[in-house]
Amino acid sequence: MNLQPRIDRFATAIDRYGDPASCDSETIIDLLADAMHWCDAHGEDFHIGLAMACRHYINELNDDQQDERRIEP
């Protein structure tokens, strides 16, 4: 699986979202905190979404790794 499009998409989001004077880690923290507030305001469960995102991430890493380096569930 080519992960570069996902990496590029997030880089674009960080560039658009962040304050140019702040570092990327601060921007990521602000983005996630704002996502939590948005979920609260719209009745969405951020933590379930985060857990699902973690599962997708692990699956994508597994798809991208050689068999001998695969993460076993």
Protein backbone atom coordinates (compact mmCIF):
# COMPACT_ATOMS: atom_id res chain seq x y z
CA MET A 1 0.00 0.00 0.00
CA ASN A 2 1.33 3.42 -0.90
CA LEU A 3 1.03 5.53 2.24
CA GLN A 4 2.48 8.68 0.66
CA PRO A 5 -0.94 10.10 -0.38
CA ARG A 6 -2.10 9.89 3.26
CA ILE A 7 1.11 11.52 4.48
CA ASP A 8 0.77 14.28 1.88
CA ARG A 9 -2.91 14.85 2.72
CA PHE A 10 -2.11 15.33 6.39
CA ALA A 11 0.82 17.62 5.58
CA THR A 12 -1.61 19.79 3.61
CA ALA A 13 -4.06 19.79 6.52
CA ILE A 14 -1.33 20.79 8.97
CA ASP A 15 -0.14 23.56 6.65
CA ARG A 16 -3.68 24.93 6.32
CA TYR A 17 -4.64 24.47 9.95
CA GLY A 18 -1.57 25.55 11.82
CA ASP A 19 -0.08 28.81 12.86
CA PRO A 20 3.11 29.24 10.82
CA ALA A 21 4.87 30.40 14.00
CA SER A 22 4.11 27.17 15.88
CA CYS A 23 5.80 23.82 15.41
CA ASP A 24 4.02 20.85 13.87
CA SER A 25 3.63 19.03 17.19
CA GLU A 26 1.73 21.99 18.68
CA THR A 27 -0.45 22.14 15.57
CA ILE A 28 -1.23 18.42 15.81
CA ILE A 29 -2.18 18.81 19.48
CA ASP A 30 -4.46 21.76 18.66
CA LEU A 31 -6.03 19.89 15.74
CA LEU A 32 -6.79 16.85 17.91
CA ALA A 33 -8.14 18.96 20.78
CA ASP A 34 -10.37 20.85 18.36
CA ALA A 35 -11.52 17.52 16.88
CA MET A 36 -12.52 16.43 20.39
CA HIS A 37 -14.52 19.62 20.89
CA TRP A 38 -16.15 19.20 17.46
CA CYS A 39 -17.11 15.60 18.30
CA ASP A 40 -18.65 16.72 21.60
CA ALA A 41 -20.65 19.43 19.84
CA HIS A 42 -21.90 17.00 17.16
CA GLY A 43 -22.58 13.93 19.27
CA GLU A 44 -19.69 11.92 17.85
CA ASP A 45 -17.42 9.72 19.96
CA PHE A 46 -13.86 10.89 19.37
CA HIS A 47 -12.30 7.98 21.24
CA ILE A 48 -14.12 5.36 19.18
CA GLY A 49 -12.95 7.18 16.06
CA LEU A 50 -9.41 7.27 17.42
CA ALA A 51 -9.51 3.55 18.20
CA MET A 52 -10.73 2.81 14.67
CA ALA A 53 -8.02 5.06 13.23
CA CYS A 54 -5.41 3.14 15.25
CA ARG A 55 -6.70 -0.14 13.83
CA HIS A 56 -6.55 1.23 10.29
CA TYR A 57 -3.02 2.51 10.92
CA ILE A 58 -1.80 -0.89 12.17
CA ASN A 59 -3.45 -2.66 9.24
CA GLU A 60 -1.86 -0.23 6.79
CA LEU A 61 1.55 -0.74 8.42
CA ASN A 62 1.10 -4.49 8.11
CA ASP A 63 0.18 -4.15 4.45
CA ASP A 64 3.31 -2.05 3.86
CA GLN A 65 5.78 -4.34 5.69
CA GLN A 66 7.60 -7.44 4.61
CA ASP A 67 6.16 -10.69 5.99
CA GLU A 68 8.99 -11.18 8.50
CA ARG A 69 8.29 -7.74 10.02
CA ARG A 70 4.53 -8.00 10.21
CA ILE A 71 2.87 -7.05 13.46
CA GLU A 72 0.82 -9.99 14.63
CA PRO A 73 -2.67 -9.18 16.01
